Amino acid sequence: MEEVEIPEALKQFSEGLIAKQRPYVSIKATALHCELDKDPLDVKGSKFLGVPFVPEGMEYPKDKNGDPLVLIAQINFSELPLLEGFPNEGILQLYFSTKEWWDMSGAERIIYIAGDEMNKSQRSDLPTIDNELYEELPVWKIHKLDFVKSIDTGSSEDCQFSFDFGGKDYWDFEESLAEDDKKIFDGYFTGEGHKIGGYAYFTQGDPRDYADSQRNDVQILQIDVDDEIMFGDSGVGHIFISPENLINKKFEQSYFYWDCC
């Protein structure tokens, strides 16, 4: 893909900034005005909320109390533009507990469905989940997802984006700019939006920065603030995985993280 043009205020750093650009898949999430128990989308299609694909023989995921979890996100990789290192088939699912989704110690499940499982029929006995149980979840409506391959330019909070602006770090260099250039600077390094791959955006900080074993972990999915989506107070949700586990499709080794203001 073509490089993203470097703003005039950053031209002196063009070579280094171009080297930092990385491809990702931008997600356009369109909220559907339908009842939560009347999902009109394909059961194998990419979506936020809605009915998940649960093939015959697969146990429906439940929480520690035996209650059914709710699908938060389903990504069908065959619907995406090709992204190096990512699968080109199979379905990734993120499930939450309806009672304690905010607890990042077992209240969520990440499942990958691939191979022969994709050819199986949908289970006909999925549990019924009362619409009122969705009220505390961070996604409030079913969303149809569309994908476009894009170029990510960087993010001030992503520990994988480190750049020397002529002897100054990100924040010191930003402070040295005129107000109009600050807006352009911040827009270039936004990191925001629903996405697959690319740089991550955080409201507090990157959790990978505190563990050497996780510093190279790849962002599989970012779910950002939207009209019908919010994690806590203007928060953002992520799924991360090590490069090795991504290549080997060991998505059971991935992990979910969210933070908010």
C-alpha atoms as a PDB file:
ATOM      1  CA  MET A   1       0.000   0.000   0.000  1.00  0.00           C
ATOM      2  CA  GLU A   2       1.019   3.596  -0.446  1.00  0.00           C
ATOM      3  CA  GLU A   3       2.703   5.423   2.412  1.00  0.00           C
ATOM      4  CA  VAL A   4       0.771   8.012   4.414  1.00  0.00           C
ATOM      5  CA  GLU A   5       1.977  11.519   3.617  1.00  0.00           C
ATOM      6  CA  ILE A   6       4.072  13.090   6.351  1.00  0.00           C
ATOM      7  CA  PRO A   7       2.714  16.467   7.611  1.00  0.00           C
ATOM      8  CA  GLU A   8       4.889  19.512   6.964  1.00  0.00           C
ATOM      9  CA  ALA A   9       5.619  19.940  10.674  1.00  0.00           C
ATOM     10  CA  LEU A  10       7.206  16.445  10.664  1.00  0.00           C
ATOM     11  CA  LYS A  11       8.973  16.480   7.278  1.00  0.00           C
ATOM     12  CA  GLN A  12      12.412  16.511   8.910  1.00  0.00           C
ATOM     13  CA  PHE A  13      11.605  13.045  10.377  1.00  0.00           C
ATOM     14  CA  SER A  14      10.085  11.582   7.183  1.00  0.00           C
ATOM     15  CA  GLU A  15      12.460   8.656   6.737  1.00  0.00           C
ATOM     16  CA  GLY A  16      12.066   7.422  10.303  1.00  0.00           C
ATOM     17  CA  LEU A  17       8.305   7.942  10.421  1.00  0.00           C
ATOM     18  CA  ILE A  18       7.747   6.118   7.140  1.00  0.00           C
ATOM     19  CA  ALA A  19       9.697   3.168   8.567  1.00  0.00           C
ATOM     20  CA  LYS A  20       7.302   3.156  11.538  1.00  0.00           C
ATOM     21  CA  GLN A  21       4.173   2.932   9.389  1.00  0.00           C
ATOM     22  CA  ARG A  22       2.456  -0.453   9.466  1.00  0.00           C
ATOM     23  CA  PRO A  23      -0.562  -1.943   7.662  1.00  0.00           C
ATOM     24  CA  TYR A  24      -3.753  -2.739   9.551  1.00  0.00           C
ATOM     25  CA  VAL A  25      -7.438  -3.320   8.859  1.00  0.00           C
ATOM     26  CA  SER A  26      -9.790  -0.496   9.750  1.00  0.00           C
ATOM     27  CA  ILE A  27     -13.256  -1.568  10.924  1.00  0.00           C
ATOM     28  CA  LYS A  28     -16.398   0.383  10.116  1.00  0.00           C
ATOM     29  CA  ALA A  29     -19.025  -0.650  12.686  1.00  0.00           C
ATOM     30  CA  THR A  30     -22.626   0.148  11.722  1.00  0.00           C
ATOM     31  CA  ALA A  31     -25.171  -0.127  14.532  1.00  0.00           C
ATOM     32  CA  LEU A  32     -28.365  -1.964  13.581  1.00  0.00           C
ATOM     33  CA  HIS A  33     -31.667  -0.780  15.005  1.00  0.00           C
ATOM     34  CA  CYS A  34     -33.061  -4.207  15.791  1.00  0.00           C
ATOM     35  CA  GLU A  35     -33.835  -6.113  18.974  1.00  0.00           C
ATOM     36  CA  LEU A  36     -30.831  -7.849  20.500  1.00  0.00           C
ATOM     37  CA  ASP A  37     -32.527 -11.233  20.137  1.00  0.00           C
ATOM     38  CA  LYS A  38     -33.347 -10.645  16.439  1.00  0.00           C
ATOM     39  CA  ASP A  39     -29.928 -10.643  14.784  1.00  0.00           C
ATOM     40  CA  PRO A  40     -30.397 -10.288  10.986  1.00  0.00           C
ATOM     41  CA  LEU A  41     -26.728 -10.929  10.176  1.00  0.00           C
ATOM     42  CA  ASP A  42     -25.188 -14.148   8.866  1.00  0.00           C
ATOM     43  CA  VAL A  43     -24.361 -16.415  11.791  1.00  0.00           C
ATOM     44  CA  LYS A  44     -20.775 -16.728  10.480  1.00  0.00           C
ATOM     45  CA  GLY A  45     -20.434 -13.052   9.646  1.00  0.00           C
ATOM     46  CA  SER A  46     -18.292 -10.457  11.412  1.00  0.00           C
ATOM     47  CA  LYS A  47     -20.235  -8.489  14.028  1.00  0.00           C
ATOM     48  CA  PHE A  48     -20.337  -6.858  17.425  1.00  0.00           C
ATOM     49  CA  LEU A  49     -23.031  -8.565  19.559  1.00  0.00           C
ATOM     50  CA  GLY A  50     -25.582 -10.788  17.855  1.00  0.00           C
ATOM     51  CA  VAL A  51     -25.814 -14.558  17.456  1.00  0.00           C
ATOM     52  CA  PRO A  52     -22.413 -16.296  17.414  1.00  0.00           C
ATOM     53  CA  PHE A  53     -21.454 -19.201  15.208  1.00  0.00           C
ATOM     54  CA  VAL A  54     -21.430 -22.258  17.485  1.00  0.00           C
ATOM     55  CA  PRO A  55     -20.856 -25.388  15.381  1.00  0.00           C
ATOM     56  CA  GLU A  56     -22.352 -28.723  16.286  1.00  0.00           C
ATOM     57  CA  GLY A  57     -20.173 -30.391  18.898  1.00  0.00           C
ATOM     58  CA  MET A  58     -18.833 -27.145  20.362  1.00  0.00           C
ATOM     59  CA  GLU A  59     -19.910 -26.359  23.906  1.00  0.00           C
ATOM     60  CA  TYR A  60     -21.469 -22.939  24.309  1.00  0.00           C
ATOM     61  CA  PRO A  61     -19.123 -20.868  26.550  1.00  0.00           C
ATOM     62  CA  LYS A  62     -20.279 -20.233  30.113  1.00  0.00           C
ATOM     63  CA  ASP A  63     -19.013 -18.270  33.094  1.00  0.00           C
ATOM     64  CA  LYS A  64     -17.762 -19.744  36.375  1.00  0.00           C
ATOM     65  CA  ASN A  65     -21.349 -19.958  37.630  1.00  0.00           C
ATOM     66  CA  GLY A  66     -22.514 -21.892  34.585  1.00  0.00           C
ATOM     67  CA  ASP A  67     -24.364 -18.959  33.045  1.00  0.00           C
ATOM     68  CA  PRO A  68     -24.027 -18.412  29.268  1.00  0.00           C
ATOM     69  CA  LEU A  69     -21.597 -15.756  28.113  1.00  0.00           C
ATOM     70  CA  VAL A  70     -22.565 -13.104  25.560  1.00  0.00           C
ATOM     71  CA  LEU A  71     -20.816 -12.619  22.228  1.00  0.00           C
ATOM     72  CA  ILE A  72     -19.140  -9.200  22.143  1.00  0.00           C
ATOM     73  CA  ALA A  73     -17.185  -9.520  18.900  1.00  0.00           C
ATOM     74  CA  GLN A  74     -16.961 -12.037  16.067  1.00  0.00           C
ATOM     75  CA  ILE A  75     -14.359 -11.605  13.319  1.00  0.00           C
ATOM     76  CA  ASN A  76     -14.496 -13.845  10.241  1.00  0.00           C
ATOM     77  CA  PHE A  77     -10.963 -13.574   8.835  1.00  0.00           C
ATOM     78  CA  SER A  78     -12.117 -14.649   5.353  1.00  0.00           C
ATOM     79  CA  GLU A  79     -14.009 -11.328   5.120  1.00  0.00           C
ATOM     80  CA  LEU A  80     -10.875  -9.244   5.746  1.00  0.00           C
ATOM     81  CA  PRO A  81      -8.318  -7.883   3.290  1.00  0.00           C
ATOM     82  CA  LEU A  82      -5.131  -9.941   3.560  1.00  0.00           C
ATOM     83  CA  LEU A  83      -2.977  -8.805   6.477  1.00  0.00           C
ATOM     84  CA  GLU A  84       0.494 -10.302   6.862  1.00  0.00           C
ATOM     85  CA  GLY A  85       0.776 -12.674   9.796  1.00  0.00           C
ATOM     86  CA  PHE A  86      -2.984 -12.955  10.307  1.00  0.00           C
ATOM     87  CA  PRO A  87      -5.162 -15.912   9.271  1.00  0.00           C
ATOM     88  CA  ASN A  88      -7.132 -15.717   6.036  1.00  0.00           C
ATOM     89  CA  GLU A  89      -9.809 -18.063   7.346  1.00  0.00           C
ATOM     90  CA  GLY A  90     -11.562 -18.992  10.560  1.00  0.00           C
ATOM     91  CA  ILE A  91     -13.579 -17.054  13.112  1.00  0.00           C
ATOM     92  CA  LEU A  92     -12.334 -15.283  16.233  1.00  0.00           C
ATOM     93  CA  GLN A  93     -14.860 -14.692  19.021  1.00  0.00           C
ATOM     94  CA  LEU A  94     -14.791 -12.626  22.200  1.00  0.00           C
ATOM     95  CA  TYR A  95     -17.355 -13.463  24.880  1.00  0.00           C
ATOM     96  CA  PHE A  96     -18.154 -11.627  28.128  1.00  0.00           C
ATOM     97  CA  SER A  97     -19.952 -12.466  31.318  1.00  0.00           C
ATOM     98  CA  THR A  98     -23.132 -10.403  31.636  1.00  0.00           C
ATOM     99  CA  LYS A  99     -22.463  -9.888  35.347  1.00  0.00           C
ATOM    100  CA  GLU A 100     -18.767  -9.048  35.686  1.00  0.00           C
ATOM    101  CA  TRP A 101     -17.296  -8.336  32.248  1.00  0.00           C
ATOM    102  CA  TRP A 102     -15.008  -5.644  33.721  1.00  0.00           C
ATOM    103  CA  ASP A 103     -13.091  -8.266  35.733  1.00  0.00           C
ATOM    104  CA  MET A 104     -10.127  -9.288  33.546  1.00  0.00           C
ATOM    105  CA  SER A 105      -9.513 -12.527  35.381  1.00  0.00           C
ATOM    106  CA  GLY A 106     -11.773 -15.057  33.753  1.00  0.00           C
ATOM    107  CA  ALA A 107     -14.969 -13.134  32.988  1.00  0.00           C
ATOM    108  CA  GLU A 108     -14.202 -13.335  29.268  1.00  0.00           C
ATOM    109  CA  ARG A 109     -13.460 -16.086  26.744  1.00  0.00           C
ATOM    110  CA  ILE A 110     -11.594 -15.907  23.454  1.00  0.00           C
ATOM    111  CA  ILE A 111     -12.370 -18.681  20.974  1.00  0.00           C
ATOM    112  CA  TYR A 112     -11.041 -19.452  17.498  1.00  0.00           C
ATOM    113  CA  ILE A 113     -13.024 -21.673  15.135  1.00  0.00           C
ATOM    114  CA  ALA A 114     -11.178 -23.007  12.075  1.00  0.00           C
ATOM    115  CA  GLY A 115     -10.699 -25.975   9.791  1.00  0.00           C
ATOM    116  CA  ASP A 116     -13.417 -28.596   9.613  1.00  0.00           C
ATOM    117  CA  GLU A 117     -15.372 -26.813  12.352  1.00  0.00           C
ATOM    118  CA  MET A 118     -16.211 -24.047   9.869  1.00  0.00           C
ATOM    119  CA  ASN A 119     -18.062 -26.536   7.682  1.00  0.00           C
ATOM    120  CA  LYS A 120     -20.303 -27.813  10.452  1.00  0.00           C
ATOM    121  CA  SER A 121     -23.899 -26.772  10.997  1.00  0.00           C
ATOM    122  CA  GLN A 122     -24.900 -24.220  13.593  1.00  0.00           C
ATOM    123  CA  ARG A 123     -26.106 -25.642  16.897  1.00  0.00           C
ATOM    124  CA  SER A 124     -29.862 -25.378  17.148  1.00  0.00           C
ATOM    125  CA  ASP A 125     -29.995 -25.253  20.939  1.00  0.00           C
ATOM    126  CA  LEU A 126     -28.223 -21.983  21.798  1.00  0.00           C
ATOM    127  CA  PRO A 127     -29.163 -20.588  25.213  1.00  0.00           C
ATOM    128  CA  THR A 128     -31.671 -17.773  25.442  1.00  0.00           C
ATOM    129  CA  ILE A 129     -30.215 -14.656  27.059  1.00  0.00           C
ATOM    130  CA  ASP A 130     -32.598 -12.084  28.517  1.00  0.00           C
ATOM    131  CA  ASN A 131     -32.192  -8.707  26.761  1.00  0.00           C
ATOM    132  CA  GLU A 132     -32.031  -6.987  30.151  1.00  0.00           C
ATOM    133  CA  LEU A 133     -28.738  -8.775  30.877  1.00  0.00           C
ATOM    134  CA  TYR A 134     -27.093  -6.776  28.075  1.00  0.00           C
ATOM    135  CA  GLU A 135     -27.666  -3.456  29.846  1.00  0.00           C
ATOM    136  CA  GLU A 136     -24.331  -3.423  31.698  1.00  0.00           C
ATOM    137  CA  LEU A 137     -22.240  -4.545  28.732  1.00  0.00           C
ATOM    138  CA  PRO A 138     -19.933  -2.109  26.855  1.00  0.00           C
ATOM    139  CA  VAL A 139     -21.677  -2.744  23.510  1.00  0.00           C
ATOM    140  CA  TRP A 140     -25.374  -1.894  23.361  1.00  0.00           C
ATOM    141  CA  LYS A 141     -26.461  -2.707  19.809  1.00  0.00           C
ATOM    142  CA  ILE A 142     -25.688  -5.307  17.174  1.00  0.00           C
ATOM    143  CA  HIS A 143     -23.166  -3.914  14.665  1.00  0.00           C
ATOM    144  CA  LYS A 144     -22.431  -4.955  11.107  1.00  0.00           C
ATOM    145  CA  LEU A 145     -18.687  -4.779  10.388  1.00  0.00           C
ATOM    146  CA  ASP A 146     -16.972  -3.721   7.152  1.00  0.00           C
ATOM    147  CA  PHE A 147     -13.225  -3.749   6.575  1.00  0.00           C
ATOM    148  CA  VAL A 148     -10.696  -1.592   4.718  1.00  0.00           C
ATOM    149  CA  LYS A 149      -6.937  -2.093   4.633  1.00  0.00           C
ATOM    150  CA  SER A 150      -5.150   1.016   5.852  1.00  0.00           C
ATOM    151  CA  ILE A 151      -1.799   2.312   7.082  1.00  0.00           C
ATOM    152  CA  ASP A 152      -1.221   3.063  10.767  1.00  0.00           C
ATOM    153  CA  THR A 153       1.214   5.874  11.511  1.00  0.00           C
ATOM    154  CA  GLY A 154       1.788   5.502  15.249  1.00  0.00           C
ATOM    155  CA  SER A 155       0.264   6.038  18.669  1.00  0.00           C
ATOM    156  CA  SER A 156       1.621   8.010  21.600  1.00  0.00           C
ATOM    157  CA  GLU A 157       0.517   5.320  24.093  1.00  0.00           C
ATOM    158  CA  ASP A 158       1.666   2.202  22.210  1.00  0.00           C
ATOM    159  CA  CYS A 159       4.900   0.857  23.723  1.00  0.00           C
ATOM    160  CA  GLN A 160       5.904  -0.420  20.276  1.00  0.00           C
ATOM    161  CA  PHE A 161       5.974   3.137  18.938  1.00  0.00           C
ATOM    162  CA  SER A 162       9.099   4.844  20.229  1.00  0.00           C
ATOM    163  CA  PHE A 163      10.540   7.760  18.300  1.00  0.00           C
ATOM    164  CA  ASP A 164      13.241  10.350  18.835  1.00  0.00           C
ATOM    165  CA  PHE A 165      12.056  13.748  17.628  1.00  0.00           C
ATOM    166  CA  GLY A 166      15.442  15.410  17.389  1.00  0.00           C
ATOM    167  CA  GLY A 167      16.389  14.619  20.966  1.00  0.00           C
ATOM    168  CA  LYS A 168      12.858  15.080  22.331  1.00  0.00           C
ATOM    169  CA  ASP A 169      10.260  12.469  23.221  1.00  0.00           C
ATOM    170  CA  TYR A 170       6.697  12.563  21.913  1.00  0.00           C
ATOM    171  CA  TRP A 171       5.288  14.848  24.583  1.00  0.00           C
ATOM    172  CA  ASP A 172       8.192  17.304  24.724  1.00  0.00           C
ATOM    173  CA  PHE A 173       8.201  17.675  20.951  1.00  0.00           C
ATOM    174  CA  GLU A 174       4.429  18.175  20.872  1.00  0.00           C
ATOM    175  CA  GLU A 175       4.750  20.901  23.500  1.00  0.00           C
ATOM    176  CA  SER A 176       7.278  22.729  21.327  1.00  0.00           C
ATOM    177  CA  LEU A 177       4.847  23.045  18.411  1.00  0.00           C
ATOM    178  CA  ALA A 178       2.502  25.908  17.578  1.00  0.00           C
ATOM    179  CA  GLU A 179      -1.195  25.206  18.303  1.00  0.00           C
ATOM    180  CA  ASP A 180      -2.130  24.507  14.669  1.00  0.00           C
ATOM    181  CA  ASP A 181       0.800  22.112  14.281  1.00  0.00           C
ATOM    182  CA  LYS A 182      -0.142  20.367  17.549  1.00  0.00           C
ATOM    183  CA  LYS A 183      -3.542  19.479  16.088  1.00  0.00           C
ATOM    184  CA  ILE A 184      -1.914  18.072  12.955  1.00  0.00           C
ATOM    185  CA  PHE A 185       0.660  16.211  15.064  1.00  0.00           C
ATOM    186  CA  ASP A 186      -1.987  14.634  17.321  1.00  0.00           C
ATOM    187  CA  GLY A 187      -4.129  13.699  14.314  1.00  0.00           C
ATOM    188  CA  TYR A 188      -1.219  11.934  12.632  1.00  0.00           C
ATOM    189  CA  PHE A 189      -0.468   9.809  15.717  1.00  0.00           C
ATOM    190  CA  THR A 190      -4.040   9.146  16.808  1.00  0.00           C
ATOM    191  CA  GLY A 191      -4.067   5.299  16.996  1.00  0.00           C
ATOM    192  CA  GLU A 192      -7.836   5.466  17.524  1.00  0.00           C
ATOM    193  CA  GLY A 193     -10.681   3.541  15.898  1.00  0.00           C
ATOM    194  CA  HIS A 194     -11.952  -0.026  15.649  1.00  0.00           C
ATOM    195  CA  LYS A 195      -9.162  -2.031  14.042  1.00  0.00           C
ATOM    196  CA  ILE A 196      -7.365  -5.307  13.501  1.00  0.00           C
ATOM    197  CA  GLY A 197      -3.592  -5.100  13.852  1.00  0.00           C
ATOM    198  CA  GLY A 198      -1.841  -1.735  13.853  1.00  0.00           C
ATOM    199  CA  TYR A 199      -0.912   0.452  16.799  1.00  0.00           C
ATOM    200  CA  ALA A 200      -3.027   0.475  19.947  1.00  0.00           C
ATOM    201  CA  TYR A 201      -4.705   3.427  21.619  1.00  0.00           C
ATOM    202  CA  PHE A 202      -5.085   3.591  25.399  1.00  0.00           C
ATOM    203  CA  THR A 203      -6.607   6.044  27.843  1.00  0.00           C
ATOM    204  CA  GLN A 204      -4.178   5.090  30.632  1.00  0.00           C
ATOM    205  CA  GLY A 205      -1.204   3.209  29.254  1.00  0.00           C
ATOM    206  CA  ASP A 206       0.001   0.108  27.443  1.00  0.00           C
ATOM    207  CA  PRO A 207      -0.019  -2.988  29.709  1.00  0.00           C
ATOM    208  CA  ARG A 208       2.619  -4.625  27.484  1.00  0.00           C
ATOM    209  CA  ASP A 209       5.083  -1.975  28.635  1.00  0.00           C
ATOM    210  CA  TYR A 210       5.274  -3.569  32.087  1.00  0.00           C
ATOM    211  CA  ALA A 211       6.238  -7.098  31.034  1.00  0.00           C
ATOM    212  CA  ASP A 212       9.242  -7.821  28.810  1.00  0.00           C
ATOM    213  CA  SER A 213       7.574 -11.026  27.630  1.00  0.00           C
ATOM    214  CA  GLN A 214       4.635  -9.046  26.225  1.00  0.00           C
ATOM    215  CA  ARG A 215       6.349  -6.035  24.624  1.00  0.00           C
ATOM    216  CA  ASN A 216       6.191  -7.585  21.140  1.00  0.00           C
ATOM    217  CA  ASP A 217       2.632  -8.881  21.458  1.00  0.00           C
ATOM    218  CA  VAL A 218       0.395  -8.100  18.491  1.00  0.00           C
ATOM    219  CA  GLN A 219      -2.927  -6.313  18.720  1.00  0.00           C
ATOM    220  CA  ILE A 220      -5.525  -8.620  17.159  1.00  0.00           C
ATOM    221  CA  LEU A 221      -8.526  -6.416  17.818  1.00  0.00           C
ATOM    222  CA  GLN A 222      -9.222  -2.920  19.135  1.00  0.00           C
ATOM    223  CA  ILE A 223     -12.791  -1.889  19.989  1.00  0.00           C
ATOM    224  CA  ASP A 224     -12.938   1.878  20.448  1.00  0.00           C
ATOM    225  CA  VAL A 225     -15.558   4.304  21.735  1.00  0.00           C
ATOM    226  CA  ASP A 226     -18.544   4.711  19.420  1.00  0.00           C
ATOM    227  CA  ASP A 227     -22.133   5.939  19.663  1.00  0.00           C
ATOM    228  CA  GLU A 228     -23.260   2.546  20.962  1.00  0.00           C
ATOM    229  CA  ILE A 229     -19.947   1.286  22.398  1.00  0.00           C
ATOM    230  CA  MET A 230     -17.919   2.287  25.443  1.00  0.00           C
ATOM    231  CA  PHE A 231     -15.776   0.401  27.940  1.00  0.00           C
ATOM    232  CA  GLY A 232     -16.315   2.131  31.277  1.00  0.00           C
ATOM    233  CA  ASP A 233     -15.702   5.889  31.028  1.00  0.00           C
ATOM    234  CA  SER A 234     -14.576   6.473  27.410  1.00  0.00           C
ATOM    235  CA  GLY A 235     -12.570   3.254  27.525  1.00  0.00           C
ATOM    236  CA  VAL A 236     -11.149   1.007  24.809  1.00  0.00           C
ATOM    237  CA  GLY A 237     -10.933  -2.803  24.605  1.00  0.00           C
ATOM    238  CA  HIS A 238      -8.138  -4.908  23.062  1.00  0.00           C
ATOM    239  CA  ILE A 239      -7.137  -8.481  22.333  1.00  0.00           C
ATOM    240  CA  PHE A 240      -3.377  -9.170  22.245  1.00  0.00           C
ATOM    241  CA  ILE A 241      -1.335 -12.228  21.301  1.00  0.00           C
ATOM    242  CA  SER A 242       2.348 -13.103  20.947  1.00  0.00           C
ATOM    243  CA  PRO A 243       3.694 -13.167  17.354  1.00  0.00           C
ATOM    244  CA  GLU A 244       4.496 -16.872  17.695  1.00  0.00           C
ATOM    245  CA  ASN A 245       0.998 -17.788  18.890  1.00  0.00           C
ATOM    246  CA  LEU A 246      -0.540 -15.664  16.137  1.00  0.00           C
ATOM    247  CA  ILE A 247       1.444 -17.482  13.453  1.00  0.00           C
ATOM    248  CA  ASN A 248       0.451 -20.844  14.936  1.00  0.00           C
ATOM    249  CA  LYS A 249      -3.162 -19.720  15.457  1.00  0.00           C
ATOM    250  CA  LYS A 250      -3.018 -20.473  19.167  1.00  0.00           C
ATOM    251  CA  PHE A 251      -5.669 -17.921  19.988  1.00  0.00           C
ATOM    252  CA  GLU A 252      -6.417 -19.644  23.285  1.00  0.00           C
ATOM    253  CA  GLN A 253      -3.144 -18.010  24.396  1.00  0.00           C
ATOM    254  CA  SER A 254      -4.372 -14.489  23.564  1.00  0.00           C
ATOM    255  CA  TYR A 255      -5.631 -12.133  26.257  1.00  0.00           C
ATOM    256  CA  PHE A 256      -8.120  -9.300  26.645  1.00  0.00           C
ATOM    257  CA  TYR A 257      -7.391  -5.888  28.167  1.00  0.00           C
ATOM    258  CA  TRP A 258      -9.362  -2.684  28.604  1.00  0.00           C
ATOM    259  CA  ASP A 259      -8.836   0.650  30.305  1.00  0.00           C
ATOM    260  CA  CYS A 260     -10.760   3.903  30.680  1.00  0.00           C
ATOM    261  CA  CYS A 261     -10.395   7.464  31.947  1.00  0.00           C
END
